[in-house]
Amino acid sequence: MFFVLSAIPPLEMRKALQPIYQVLKPGGTVVFRDYGIYDHAMLRFKQGHKLSDNLYVRQDGTLAYYFSLEFLQELFSSQGFQVVSNEYLFTETINRKEKINVERVFVQSRFLKKKE
């Protein structure tokens, strides 16, 4: 799951994970990457774009949720997944033309469907 869950309202995320858990074979894994809390994109949202904690709306109307490790762990664990790894990934995006360097924060995780 790459940059999918952040576009879903937080109250719907559990429901979105249910069919993934159902079709995954026991011992199968979900590889996850998405936006992390305090990412540069989160910090540059202007007033009026914040809908709730860590949830923002972009100009085109799409949602952007910024994950903490704790929220992500609880979310997947509540659906029966076991946490294999769950960490922040810090990178830097460089725009040479504009001479801008920005700090990016992503979450990168692996979740396992327990063997039955």
PDB file of N, CA and C in Angstrom:
ATOM      1  N   MET A   1       0.857  -1.172   0.000  1.00  0.00           N
ATOM      2  CA  MET A   1       0.000   0.000   0.000  1.00  0.00           C
ATOM      3  C   MET A   1       0.899   1.230   0.000  1.00  0.00           C
ATOM      4  N   PHE A   2       0.983   1.889  -1.123  1.00  0.00           N
ATOM      5  CA  PHE A   2       1.831   3.066  -1.240  1.00  0.00           C
ATOM      6  C   PHE A   2       0.964   4.293  -1.472  1.00  0.00           C
ATOM      7  N   PHE A   3       0.936   5.183  -0.490  1.00  0.00           N
ATOM      8  CA  PHE A   3       0.238   6.462  -0.572  1.00  0.00           C
ATOM      9  C   PHE A   3      -1.239   6.299  -0.949  1.00  0.00           C
ATOM     10  N   VAL A   4      -1.881   5.327  -0.319  1.00  0.00           N
ATOM     11  CA  VAL A   4      -3.302   5.068  -0.550  1.00  0.00           C
ATOM     12  C   VAL A   4      -4.122   5.460   0.671  1.00  0.00           C
ATOM     13  N   LEU A   5      -3.716   4.976   1.826  1.00  0.00           N
ATOM     14  CA  LEU A   5      -4.511   5.149   3.039  1.00  0.00           C
ATOM     15  C   LEU A   5      -4.628   6.619   3.454  1.00  0.00           C
ATOM     16  N   SER A   6      -3.652   7.434   3.113  1.00  0.00           N
ATOM     17  CA  SER A   6      -3.685   8.850   3.502  1.00  0.00           C
ATOM     18  C   SER A   6      -4.801   9.620   2.806  1.00  0.00           C
ATOM     19  N   ALA A   7      -5.351   9.082   1.737  1.00  0.00           N
ATOM     20  CA  ALA A   7      -6.429   9.753   0.999  1.00  0.00           C
ATOM     21  C   ALA A   7      -7.816   9.323   1.475  1.00  0.00           C
ATOM     22  N   ILE A   8      -7.848   8.436   2.471  1.00  0.00           N
ATOM     23  CA  ILE A   8      -9.107   7.915   3.004  1.00  0.00           C
ATOM     24  C   ILE A   8      -9.386   8.579   4.346  1.00  0.00           C
ATOM     25  N   PRO A   9     -10.618   9.002   4.608  1.00  0.00           N
ATOM     26  CA  PRO A   9     -10.912   9.599   5.920  1.00  0.00           C
ATOM     27  C   PRO A   9     -10.543   8.629   7.048  1.00  0.00           C
ATOM     28  N   PRO A  10      -9.939   9.124   8.122  1.00  0.00           N
ATOM     29  CA  PRO A  10      -9.495   8.245   9.211  1.00  0.00           C
ATOM     30  C   PRO A  10     -10.575   7.319   9.755  1.00  0.00           C
ATOM     31  N   LEU A  11     -11.823   7.773   9.793  1.00  0.00           N
ATOM     32  CA  LEU A  11     -12.902   6.920  10.304  1.00  0.00           C
ATOM     33  C   LEU A  11     -13.223   5.763   9.364  1.00  0.00           C
ATOM     34  N   GLU A  12     -12.749   5.830   8.124  1.00  0.00           N
ATOM     35  CA  GLU A  12     -12.992   4.769   7.134  1.00  0.00           C
ATOM     36  C   GLU A  12     -11.786   3.852   6.946  1.00  0.00           C
ATOM     37  N   MET A  13     -10.663   4.167   7.564  1.00  0.00           N
ATOM     38  CA  MET A  13      -9.434   3.403   7.326  1.00  0.00           C
ATOM     39  C   MET A  13      -9.553   1.959   7.780  1.00  0.00           C
ATOM     40  N   ARG A  14     -10.169   1.719   8.929  1.00  0.00           N
ATOM     41  CA  ARG A  14     -10.332   0.340   9.411  1.00  0.00           C
ATOM     42  C   ARG A  14     -11.141  -0.485   8.410  1.00  0.00           C
ATOM     43  N   LYS A  15     -12.201   0.116   7.902  1.00  0.00           N
ATOM     44  CA  LYS A  15     -13.042  -0.575   6.923  1.00  0.00           C
ATOM     45  C   LYS A  15     -12.260  -0.871   5.642  1.00  0.00           C
ATOM     46  N   ALA A  16     -11.350   0.016   5.263  1.00  0.00           N
ATOM     47  CA  ALA A  16     -10.540  -0.185   4.062  1.00  0.00           C
ATOM     48  C   ALA A  16      -9.539  -1.325   4.239  1.00  0.00           C
ATOM     49  N   LEU A  17      -9.103  -1.575   5.464  1.00  0.00           N
ATOM     50  CA  LEU A  17      -8.137  -2.645   5.716  1.00  0.00           C
ATOM     51  C   LEU A  17      -8.779  -4.030   5.788  1.00  0.00           C
ATOM     52  N   GLN A  18     -10.063  -4.101   6.079  1.00  0.00           N
ATOM     53  CA  GLN A  18     -10.731  -5.394   6.241  1.00  0.00           C
ATOM     54  C   GLN A  18     -10.623  -6.295   5.005  1.00  0.00           C
ATOM     55  N   PRO A  19     -10.935  -5.810   3.789  1.00  0.00           N
ATOM     56  CA  PRO A  19     -10.817  -6.712   2.629  1.00  0.00           C
ATOM     57  C   PRO A  19      -9.368  -7.104   2.325  1.00  0.00           C
ATOM     58  N   ILE A  20      -8.425  -6.250   2.676  1.00  0.00           N
ATOM     59  CA  ILE A  20      -7.016  -6.599   2.476  1.00  0.00           C
ATOM     60  C   ILE A  20      -6.645  -7.765   3.379  1.00  0.00           C
ATOM     61  N   TYR A  21      -7.070  -7.712   4.621  1.00  0.00           N
ATOM     62  CA  TYR A  21      -6.799  -8.797   5.556  1.00  0.00           C
ATOM     63  C   TYR A  21      -7.472 -10.094   5.080  1.00  0.00           C
ATOM     64  N   GLN A  22      -8.685  -9.979   4.572  1.00  0.00           N
ATOM     65  CA  GLN A  22      -9.436 -11.169   4.144  1.00  0.00           C
ATOM     66  C   GLN A  22      -8.795 -11.879   2.959  1.00  0.00           C
ATOM     67  N   VAL A  23      -8.248 -11.141   1.997  1.00  0.00           N
ATOM     68  CA  VAL A  23      -7.686 -11.785   0.804  1.00  0.00           C
ATOM     69  C   VAL A  23      -6.226 -12.191   0.966  1.00  0.00           C
ATOM     70  N   LEU A  24      -5.564 -11.678   1.992  1.00  0.00           N
ATOM     71  CA  LEU A  24      -4.162 -12.008   2.227  1.00  0.00           C
ATOM     72  C   LEU A  24      -4.066 -13.399   2.849  1.00  0.00           C
ATOM     73  N   LYS A  25      -3.150 -14.207   2.328  1.00  0.00           N
ATOM     74  CA  LYS A  25      -2.938 -15.542   2.885  1.00  0.00           C
ATOM     75  C   LYS A  25      -2.259 -15.437   4.242  1.00  0.00           C
ATOM     76  N   PRO A  26      -2.509 -16.403   5.136  1.00  0.00           N
ATOM     77  CA  PRO A  26      -1.790 -16.417   6.413  1.00  0.00           C
ATOM     78  C   PRO A  26      -0.277 -16.413   6.168  1.00  0.00           C
ATOM     79  N   GLY A  27       0.420 -15.552   6.871  1.00  0.00           N
ATOM     80  CA  GLY A  27       1.856 -15.397   6.666  1.00  0.00           C
ATOM     81  C   GLY A  27       2.203 -14.345   5.622  1.00  0.00           C
ATOM     82  N   GLY A  28       1.189 -13.827   4.927  1.00  0.00           N
ATOM     83  CA  GLY A  28       1.411 -12.789   3.922  1.00  0.00           C
ATOM     84  C   GLY A  28       1.652 -11.435   4.570  1.00  0.00           C
ATOM     85  N   THR A  29       2.307 -10.540   3.853  1.00  0.00           N
ATOM     86  CA  THR A  29       2.626  -9.237   4.413  1.00  0.00           C
ATOM     87  C   THR A  29       2.068  -8.103   3.569  1.00  0.00           C
ATOM     88  N   VAL A  30       1.818  -6.998   4.245  1.00  0.00           N
ATOM     89  CA  VAL A  30       1.458  -5.740   3.605  1.00  0.00           C
ATOM     90  C   VAL A  30       2.662  -4.822   3.756  1.00  0.00           C
ATOM     91  N   VAL A  31       3.155  -4.305   2.645  1.00  0.00           N
ATOM     92  CA  VAL A  31       4.224  -3.317   2.665  1.00  0.00           C
ATOM     93  C   VAL A  31       3.547  -1.960   2.534  1.00  0.00           C
ATOM     94  N   PHE A  32       3.891  -1.058   3.429  1.00  0.00           N
ATOM     95  CA  PHE A  32       3.176   0.207   3.547  1.00  0.00           C
ATOM     96  C   PHE A  32       4.151   1.378   3.530  1.00  0.00           C
ATOM     97  N   ARG A  33       3.818   2.396   2.743  1.00  0.00           N
ATOM     98  CA  ARG A  33       4.543   3.665   2.810  1.00  0.00           C
ATOM     99  C   ARG A  33       3.536   4.782   2.581  1.00  0.00           C
ATOM    100  N   ASP A  34       3.648   5.815   3.414  1.00  0.00           N
ATOM    101  CA  ASP A  34       2.741   6.957   3.295  1.00  0.00           C
ATOM    102  C   ASP A  34       3.370   8.148   3.995  1.00  0.00           C
ATOM    103  N   TYR A  35       2.611   9.222   4.103  1.00  0.00           N
ATOM    104  CA  TYR A  35       3.119  10.466   4.685  1.00  0.00           C
ATOM    105  C   TYR A  35       3.225  10.363   6.202  1.00  0.00           C
ATOM    106  N   GLY A  36       4.329  10.858   6.736  1.00  0.00           N
ATOM    107  CA  GLY A  36       4.540  10.881   8.171  1.00  0.00           C
ATOM    108  C   GLY A  36       4.213  12.245   8.753  1.00  0.00           C
ATOM    109  N   ILE A  37       3.871  12.219  10.027  1.00  0.00           N
ATOM    110  CA  ILE A  37       3.542  13.446  10.732  1.00  0.00           C
ATOM    111  C   ILE A  37       4.737  14.414  10.674  1.00  0.00           C
ATOM    112  N   TYR A  38       4.439  15.681  10.517  1.00  0.00           N
ATOM    113  CA  TYR A  38       5.418  16.776  10.411  1.00  0.00           C
ATOM    114  C   TYR A  38       6.210  16.766   9.109  1.00  0.00           C
ATOM    115  N   ASP A  39       5.697  16.089   8.098  1.00  0.00           N
ATOM    116  CA  ASP A  39       6.287  16.174   6.764  1.00  0.00           C
ATOM    117  C   ASP A  39       6.198  17.623   6.276  1.00  0.00           C
ATOM    118  N   HIS A  40       7.100  18.004   5.413  1.00  0.00           N
ATOM    119  CA  HIS A  40       7.110  19.380   4.889  1.00  0.00           C
ATOM    120  C   HIS A  40       5.763  19.770   4.274  1.00  0.00           C
ATOM    121  N   ALA A  41       5.155  18.848   3.561  1.00  0.00           N
ATOM    122  CA  ALA A  41       3.855  19.146   2.937  1.00  0.00           C
ATOM    123  C   ALA A  41       2.785  19.442   3.988  1.00  0.00           C
ATOM    124  N   MET A  42       2.854  18.768   5.125  1.00  0.00           N
ATOM    125  CA  MET A  42       1.896  19.014   6.212  1.00  0.00           C
ATOM    126  C   MET A  42       2.102  20.412   6.802  1.00  0.00           C
ATOM    127  N   LEU A  43       3.339  20.769   6.996  1.00  0.00           N
ATOM    128  CA  LEU A  43       3.660  22.037   7.651  1.00  0.00           C
ATOM    129  C   LEU A  43       3.351  23.251   6.786  1.00  0.00           C
ATOM    130  N   ARG A  44       3.268  23.066   5.475  1.00  0.00           N
ATOM    131  CA  ARG A  44       3.034  24.228   4.619  1.00  0.00           C
ATOM    132  C   ARG A  44       1.563  24.471   4.284  1.00  0.00           C
ATOM    133  N   PHE A  45       0.657  23.623   4.784  1.00  0.00           N
ATOM    134  CA  PHE A  45      -0.766  23.879   4.568  1.00  0.00           C
ATOM    135  C   PHE A  45      -1.152  25.202   5.212  1.00  0.00           C
ATOM    136  N   LYS A  46      -1.938  25.959   4.498  1.00  0.00           N
ATOM    137  CA  LYS A  46      -2.393  27.245   5.020  1.00  0.00           C
ATOM    138  C   LYS A  46      -3.635  27.050   5.887  1.00  0.00           C
ATOM    139  N   GLN A  47      -3.942  28.063   6.654  1.00  0.00           N
ATOM    140  CA  GLN A  47      -5.106  28.039   7.528  1.00  0.00           C
ATOM    141  C   GLN A  47      -6.366  27.750   6.707  1.00  0.00           C
ATOM    142  N   GLY A  48      -7.257  26.958   7.279  1.00  0.00           N
ATOM    143  CA  GLY A  48      -8.493  26.610   6.590  1.00  0.00           C
ATOM    144  C   GLY A  48      -8.450  25.267   5.882  1.00  0.00           C
ATOM    145  N   HIS A  49      -7.267  24.658   5.788  1.00  0.00           N
ATOM    146  CA  HIS A  49      -7.138  23.367   5.121  1.00  0.00           C
ATOM    147  C   HIS A  49      -7.112  22.196   6.098  1.00  0.00           C
ATOM    148  N   LYS A  50      -7.000  22.494   7.392  1.00  0.00           N
ATOM    149  CA  LYS A  50      -6.957  21.438   8.394  1.00  0.00           C
ATOM    150  C   LYS A  50      -8.379  21.034   8.767  1.00  0.00           C
ATOM    151  N   LEU A  51      -8.687  19.743   8.598  1.00  0.00           N
ATOM    152  CA  LEU A  51     -10.013  19.225   8.928  1.00  0.00           C
ATOM    153  C   LEU A  51     -10.063  18.659  10.337  1.00  0.00           C
ATOM    154  N   SER A  52      -8.982  18.019  10.767  1.00  0.00           N
ATOM    155  CA  SER A  52      -8.856  17.469  12.121  1.00  0.00           C
ATOM    156  C   SER A  52      -7.381  17.157  12.348  1.00  0.00           C
ATOM    157  N   ASP A  53      -7.069  16.568  13.493  1.00  0.00           N
ATOM    158  CA  ASP A  53      -5.671  16.246  13.774  1.00  0.00           C
ATOM    159  C   ASP A  53      -5.069  15.420  12.641  1.00  0.00           C
ATOM    160  N   ASN A  54      -3.993  15.916  12.068  1.00  0.00           N
ATOM    161  CA  ASN A  54      -3.218  15.227  11.022  1.00  0.00           C
ATOM    162  C   ASN A  54      -3.971  15.049   9.705  1.00  0.00           C
ATOM    163  N   LEU A  55      -5.158  15.601   9.557  1.00  0.00           N
ATOM    164  CA  LEU A  55      -5.952  15.460   8.335  1.00  0.00           C
ATOM    165  C   LEU A  55      -6.166  16.826   7.689  1.00  0.00           C
ATOM    166  N   TYR A  56      -5.795  16.909   6.421  1.00  0.00           N
ATOM    167  CA  TYR A  56      -5.886  18.153   5.667  1.00  0.00           C
ATOM    168  C   TYR A  56      -6.566  17.890   4.328  1.00  0.00           C
ATOM    169  N   VAL A  57      -7.074  18.959   3.728  1.00  0.00           N
ATOM    170  CA  VAL A  57      -7.659  18.861   2.396  1.00  0.00           C
ATOM    171  C   VAL A  57      -6.815  19.711   1.456  1.00  0.00           C
ATOM    172  N   ARG A  58      -6.440  19.108   0.330  1.00  0.00           N
ATOM    173  CA  ARG A  58      -5.654  19.821  -0.680  1.00  0.00           C
ATOM    174  C   ARG A  58      -6.571  20.726  -1.494  1.00  0.00           C
ATOM    175  N   GLN A  59      -5.962  21.574  -2.294  1.00  0.00           N
ATOM    176  CA  GLN A  59      -6.734  22.506  -3.121  1.00  0.00           C
ATOM    177  C   GLN A  59      -7.658  21.779  -4.092  1.00  0.00           C
ATOM    178  N   ASP A  60      -7.261  20.581  -4.539  1.00  0.00           N
ATOM    179  CA  ASP A  60      -8.099  19.837  -5.484  1.00  0.00           C
ATOM    180  C   ASP A  60      -9.192  19.017  -4.794  1.00  0.00           C
ATOM    181  N   GLY A  61      -9.266  19.131  -3.461  1.00  0.00           N
ATOM    182  CA  GLY A  61     -10.316  18.444  -2.712  1.00  0.00           C
ATOM    183  C   GLY A  61      -9.930  17.080  -2.178  1.00  0.00           C
ATOM    184  N   THR A  62      -8.762  16.560  -2.547  1.00  0.00           N
ATOM    185  CA  THR A  62      -8.338  15.264  -2.026  1.00  0.00           C
ATOM    186  C   THR A  62      -7.817  15.417  -0.602  1.00  0.00           C
ATOM    187  N   LEU A  63      -7.901  14.337   0.150  1.00  0.00           N
ATOM    188  CA  LEU A  63      -7.454  14.351   1.539  1.00  0.00           C
ATOM    189  C   LEU A  63      -5.970  14.004   1.638  1.00  0.00           C
ATOM    190  N   ALA A  64      -5.362  14.465   2.696  1.00  0.00           N
ATOM    191  CA  ALA A  64      -3.981  14.114   3.006  1.00  0.00           C
ATOM    192  C   ALA A  64      -3.896  13.890   4.513  1.00  0.00           C
ATOM    193  N   TYR A  65      -3.690  12.632   4.907  1.00  0.00           N
ATOM    194  CA  TYR A  65      -3.536  12.292   6.312  1.00  0.00           C
ATOM    195  C   TYR A  65      -2.059  12.019   6.572  1.00  0.00           C
ATOM    196  N   TYR A  66      -1.546  12.505   7.692  1.00  0.00           N
ATOM    197  CA  TYR A  66      -0.142  12.349   8.052  1.00  0.00           C
ATOM    198  C   TYR A  66      -0.059  11.452   9.283  1.00  0.00           C
ATOM    199  N   PHE A  67       0.561  10.275   9.107  1.00  0.00           N
ATOM    200  CA  PHE A  67       0.551   9.207  10.107  1.00  0.00           C
ATOM    201  C   PHE A  67       1.631   9.349  11.164  1.00  0.00           C
ATOM    202  N   SER A  68       1.260   9.027  12.397  1.00  0.00           N
ATOM    203  CA  SER A  68       2.240   8.785  13.450  1.00  0.00           C
ATOM    204  C   SER A  68       2.436   7.270  13.508  1.00  0.00           C
ATOM    205  N   LEU A  69       3.566   6.848  14.024  1.00  0.00           N
ATOM    206  CA  LEU A  69       3.827   5.407  14.138  1.00  0.00           C
ATOM    207  C   LEU A  69       2.821   4.746  15.067  1.00  0.00           C
ATOM    208  N   GLU A  70       2.458   5.442  16.139  1.00  0.00           N
ATOM    209  CA  GLU A  70       1.526   4.881  17.119  1.00  0.00           C
ATOM    210  C   GLU A  70       0.145   4.649  16.497  1.00  0.00           C
ATOM    211  N   PHE A  71      -0.343   5.626  15.743  1.00  0.00           N
ATOM    212  CA  PHE A  71      -1.654   5.482  15.110  1.00  0.00           C
ATOM    213  C   PHE A  71      -1.634   4.330  14.110  1.00  0.00           C
ATOM    214  N   LEU A  72      -0.586   4.254  13.319  1.00  0.00           N
ATOM    215  CA  LEU A  72      -0.483   3.210  12.297  1.00  0.00           C
ATOM    216  C   LEU A  72      -0.423   1.825  12.925  1.00  0.00           C
ATOM    217  N   GLN A  73       0.347   1.683  13.989  1.00  0.00           N
ATOM    218  CA  GLN A  73       0.443   0.398  14.681  1.00  0.00           C
ATOM    219  C   GLN A  73      -0.912  -0.020  15.242  1.00  0.00           C
ATOM    220  N   GLU A  74      -1.605   0.902  15.879  1.00  0.00           N
ATOM    221  CA  GLU A  74      -2.920   0.591  16.451  1.00  0.00           C
ATOM    222  C   GLU A  74      -3.920   0.258  15.353  1.00  0.00           C
ATOM    223  N   LEU A  75      -3.869   0.988  14.251  1.00  0.00           N
ATOM    224  CA  LEU A  75      -4.796   0.777  13.142  1.00  0.00           C
ATOM    225  C   LEU A  75      -4.672  -0.637  12.571  1.00  0.00           C
ATOM    226  N   PHE A  76      -3.454  -1.044  12.237  1.00  0.00           N
ATOM    227  CA  PHE A  76      -3.258  -2.366  11.645  1.00  0.00           C
ATOM    228  C   PHE A  76      -3.459  -3.475  12.674  1.00  0.00           C
ATOM    229  N   SER A  77      -3.003  -3.257  13.903  1.00  0.00           N
ATOM    230  CA  SER A  77      -3.186  -4.272  14.957  1.00  0.00           C
ATOM    231  C   SER A  77      -4.664  -4.526  15.226  1.00  0.00           C
ATOM    232  N   SER A  78      -5.468  -3.477  15.163  1.00  0.00           N
ATOM    233  CA  SER A  78      -6.906  -3.630  15.425  1.00  0.00           C
ATOM    234  C   SER A  78      -7.600  -4.483  14.371  1.00  0.00           C
ATOM    235  N   GLN A  79      -6.962  -4.655  13.223  1.00  0.00           N
ATOM    236  CA  GLN A  79      -7.535  -5.475  12.154  1.00  0.00           C
ATOM    237  C   GLN A  79      -6.919  -6.869  12.093  1.00  0.00           C
ATOM    238  N   GLY A  80      -6.077  -7.186  13.075  1.00  0.00           N
ATOM    239  CA  GLY A  80      -5.524  -8.532  13.164  1.00  0.00           C
ATOM    240  C   GLY A  80      -4.103  -8.670  12.643  1.00  0.00           C
ATOM    241  N   PHE A  81      -3.504  -7.597  12.155  1.00  0.00           N
ATOM    242  CA  PHE A  81      -2.146  -7.664  11.639  1.00  0.00           C
ATOM    243  C   PHE A  81      -1.125  -7.604  12.774  1.00  0.00           C
ATOM    244  N   GLN A  82       0.000  -8.249  12.547  1.00  0.00           N
ATOM    245  CA  GLN A  82       1.134  -8.175  13.464  1.00  0.00           C
ATOM    246  C   GLN A  82       2.136  -7.198  12.858  1.00  0.00           C
ATOM    247  N   VAL A  83       2.715  -6.337  13.672  1.00  0.00           N
ATOM    248  CA  VAL A  83       3.691  -5.359  13.194  1.00  0.00           C
ATOM    249  C   VAL A  83       5.048  -6.035  13.051  1.00  0.00           C
ATOM    250  N   VAL A  84       5.588  -6.010  11.842  1.00  0.00           N
ATOM    251  CA  VAL A  84       6.932  -6.546  11.587  1.00  0.00           C
ATOM    252  C   VAL A  84       7.947  -5.409  11.704  1.00  0.00           C
ATOM    253  N   SER A  85       7.652  -4.294  11.054  1.00  0.00           N
ATOM    254  CA  SER A  85       8.484  -3.093  11.166  1.00  0.00           C
ATOM    255  C   SER A  85       7.589  -1.877  10.997  1.00  0.00           C
ATOM    256  N   ASN A  86       7.984  -0.779  11.623  1.00  0.00           N
ATOM    257  CA  ASN A  86       7.165   0.437  11.600  1.00  0.00           C
ATOM    258  C   ASN A  86       8.089   1.581  11.986  1.00  0.00           C
ATOM    259  N   GLU A  87       8.503   2.393  10.993  1.00  0.00           N
ATOM    260  CA  GLU A  87       9.486   3.426  11.277  1.00  0.00           C
ATOM    261  C   GLU A  87       9.292   4.651  10.391  1.00  0.00           C
ATOM    262  N   TYR A  88       9.878   5.738  10.834  1.00  0.00           N
ATOM    263  CA  TYR A  88       9.901   6.955  10.026  1.00  0.00           C
ATOM    264  C   TYR A  88      11.071   6.875   9.058  1.00  0.00           C
ATOM    265  N   LEU A  89      10.859   7.416   7.886  1.00  0.00           N
ATOM    266  CA  LEU A  89      11.902   7.521   6.877  1.00  0.00           C
ATOM    267  C   LEU A  89      12.091   9.002   6.591  1.00  0.00           C
ATOM    268  N   PHE A  90      13.259   9.518   6.887  1.00  0.00           N
ATOM    269  CA  PHE A  90      13.551  10.932   6.694  1.00  0.00           C
ATOM    270  C   PHE A  90      14.374  11.093   5.422  1.00  0.00           C
ATOM    271  N   THR A  91      13.890  11.943   4.520  1.00  0.00           N
ATOM    272  CA  THR A  91      14.600  12.204   3.276  1.00  0.00           C
ATOM    273  C   THR A  91      14.620  13.710   3.029  1.00  0.00           C
ATOM    274  N   GLU A  92      15.336  14.088   2.005  1.00  0.00           N
ATOM    275  CA  GLU A  92      15.408  15.485   1.616  1.00  0.00           C
ATOM    276  C   GLU A  92      15.110  15.578   0.125  1.00  0.00           C
ATOM    277  N   THR A  93      14.199  16.455  -0.233  1.00  0.00           N
ATOM    278  CA  THR A  93      13.897  16.702  -1.641  1.00  0.00           C
ATOM    279  C   THR A  93      14.607  17.989  -2.042  1.00  0.00           C
ATOM    280  N   ILE A  94      15.380  17.911  -3.113  1.00  0.00           N
ATOM    281  CA  ILE A  94      16.157  19.058  -3.561  1.00  0.00           C
ATOM    282  C   ILE A  94      15.630  19.529  -4.907  1.00  0.00           C
ATOM    283  N   ASN A  95      15.271  20.805  -4.963  1.00  0.00           N
ATOM    284  CA  ASN A  95      14.880  21.445  -6.215  1.00  0.00           C
ATOM    285  C   ASN A  95      16.027  22.367  -6.602  1.00  0.00           C
ATOM    286  N   ARG A  96      16.851  21.911  -7.541  1.00  0.00           N
ATOM    287  CA  ARG A  96      18.042  22.688  -7.908  1.00  0.00           C
ATOM    288  C   ARG A  96      17.682  23.981  -8.623  1.00  0.00           C
ATOM    289  N   LYS A  97      16.648  23.938  -9.433  1.00  0.00           N
ATOM    290  CA  LYS A  97      16.247  25.136 -10.175  1.00  0.00           C
ATOM    291  C   LYS A  97      15.819  26.257  -9.221  1.00  0.00           C
ATOM    292  N   GLU A  98      14.999  25.900  -8.218  1.00  0.00           N
ATOM    293  CA  GLU A  98      14.503  26.880  -7.249  1.00  0.00           C
ATOM    294  C   GLU A  98      15.459  27.067  -6.059  1.00  0.00           C
ATOM    295  N   LYS A  99      16.493  26.209  -6.016  1.00  0.00           N
ATOM    296  CA  LYS A  99      17.464  26.221  -4.912  1.00  0.00           C
ATOM    297  C   LYS A  99      16.773  26.057  -3.556  1.00  0.00           C
ATOM    298  N   ILE A 100      15.922  25.026  -3.497  1.00  0.00           N
ATOM    299  CA  ILE A 100      15.159  24.739  -2.280  1.00  0.00           C
ATOM    300  C   ILE A 100      15.419  23.291  -1.859  1.00  0.00           C
ATOM    301  N   ASN A 101      15.691  23.099  -0.585  1.00  0.00           N
ATOM    302  CA  ASN A 101      15.809  21.769   0.014  1.00  0.00           C
ATOM    303  C   ASN A 101      14.716  21.648   1.062  1.00  0.00           C
ATOM    304  N   VAL A 102      13.935  20.600   0.993  1.00  0.00           N
ATOM    305  CA  VAL A 102      12.873  20.414   1.982  1.00  0.00           C
ATOM    306  C   VAL A 102      13.001  19.042   2.634  1.00  0.00           C
ATOM    307  N   GLU A 103      12.727  19.030   3.923  1.00  0.00           N
ATOM    308  CA  GLU A 103      12.751  17.795   4.698  1.00  0.00           C
ATOM    309  C   GLU A 103      11.439  17.048   4.475  1.00  0.00           C
ATOM    310  N   ARG A 104      11.529  15.770   4.155  1.00  0.00           N
ATOM    311  CA  ARG A 104      10.345  14.944   3.977  1.00  0.00           C
ATOM    312  C   ARG A 104      10.337  13.875   5.052  1.00  0.00           C
ATOM    313  N   VAL A 105       9.139  13.541   5.507  1.00  0.00           N
ATOM    314  CA  VAL A 105       8.965  12.499   6.517  1.00  0.00           C
ATOM    315  C   VAL A 105       7.905  11.527   6.000  1.00  0.00           C
ATOM    316  N   PHE A 106       8.280  10.273   5.908  1.00  0.00           N
ATOM    317  CA  PHE A 106       7.362   9.223   5.504  1.00  0.00           C
ATOM    318  C   PHE A 106       7.330   8.151   6.589  1.00  0.00           C
ATOM    319  N   VAL A 107       6.277   7.350   6.584  1.00  0.00           N
ATOM    320  CA  VAL A 107       6.248   6.154   7.418  1.00  0.00           C
ATOM    321  C   VAL A 107       6.426   4.968   6.487  1.00  0.00           C
ATOM    322  N   GLN A 108       7.218   4.026   6.936  1.00  0.00           N
ATOM    323  CA  GLN A 108       7.469   2.823   6.151  1.00  0.00           C
ATOM    324  C   GLN A 108       7.302   1.632   7.079  1.00  0.00           C
ATOM    325  N   SER A 109       6.432   0.709   6.687  1.00  0.00           N
ATOM    326  CA  SER A 109       6.056  -0.366   7.602  1.00  0.00           C
ATOM    327  C   SER A 109       5.817  -1.669   6.843  1.00  0.00           C
ATOM    328  N   ARG A 110       5.875  -2.755   7.610  1.00  0.00           N
ATOM    329  CA  ARG A 110       5.471  -4.077   7.121  1.00  0.00           C
ATOM    330  C   ARG A 110       4.572  -4.684   8.191  1.00  0.00           C
ATOM    331  N   PHE A 111       3.451  -5.242   7.722  1.00  0.00           N
ATOM    332  CA  PHE A 111       2.487  -5.868   8.617  1.00  0.00           C
ATOM    333  C   PHE A 111       2.220  -7.277   8.129  1.00  0.00           C
ATOM    334  N   LEU A 112       2.102  -8.201   9.051  1.00  0.00           N
ATOM    335  CA  LEU A 112       1.969  -9.628   8.755  1.00  0.00           C
ATOM    336  C   LEU A 112       0.586 -10.130   9.151  1.00  0.00           C
ATOM    337  N   LYS A 113      -0.007 -10.921   8.255  1.00  0.00           N
ATOM    338  CA  LYS A 113      -1.223 -11.637   8.643  1.00  0.00           C
ATOM    339  C   LYS A 113      -0.759 -12.896   9.358  1.00  0.00           C
ATOM    340  N   LYS A 114      -1.139 -13.013  10.597  1.00  0.00           N
ATOM    341  CA  LYS A 114      -0.679 -14.133  11.416  1.00  0.00           C
ATOM    342  C   LYS A 114      -1.105 -15.461  10.824  1.00  0.00           C
ATOM    343  N   LYS A 115      -0.236 -16.448  10.974  1.00  0.00           N
ATOM    344  CA  LYS A 115      -0.572 -17.790  10.530  1.00  0.00           C
ATOM    345  C   LYS A 115      -1.592 -18.367  11.493  1.00  0.00           C
ATOM    346  N   GLU A 116      -2.601 -18.973  10.947  1.00  0.00           N
ATOM    347  CA  GLU A 116      -3.711 -19.480  11.785  1.00  0.00           C
ATOM    348  C   GLU A 116      -3.480 -20.878  12.257  1.00  0.00           C
TER     349      GLU A 116
END
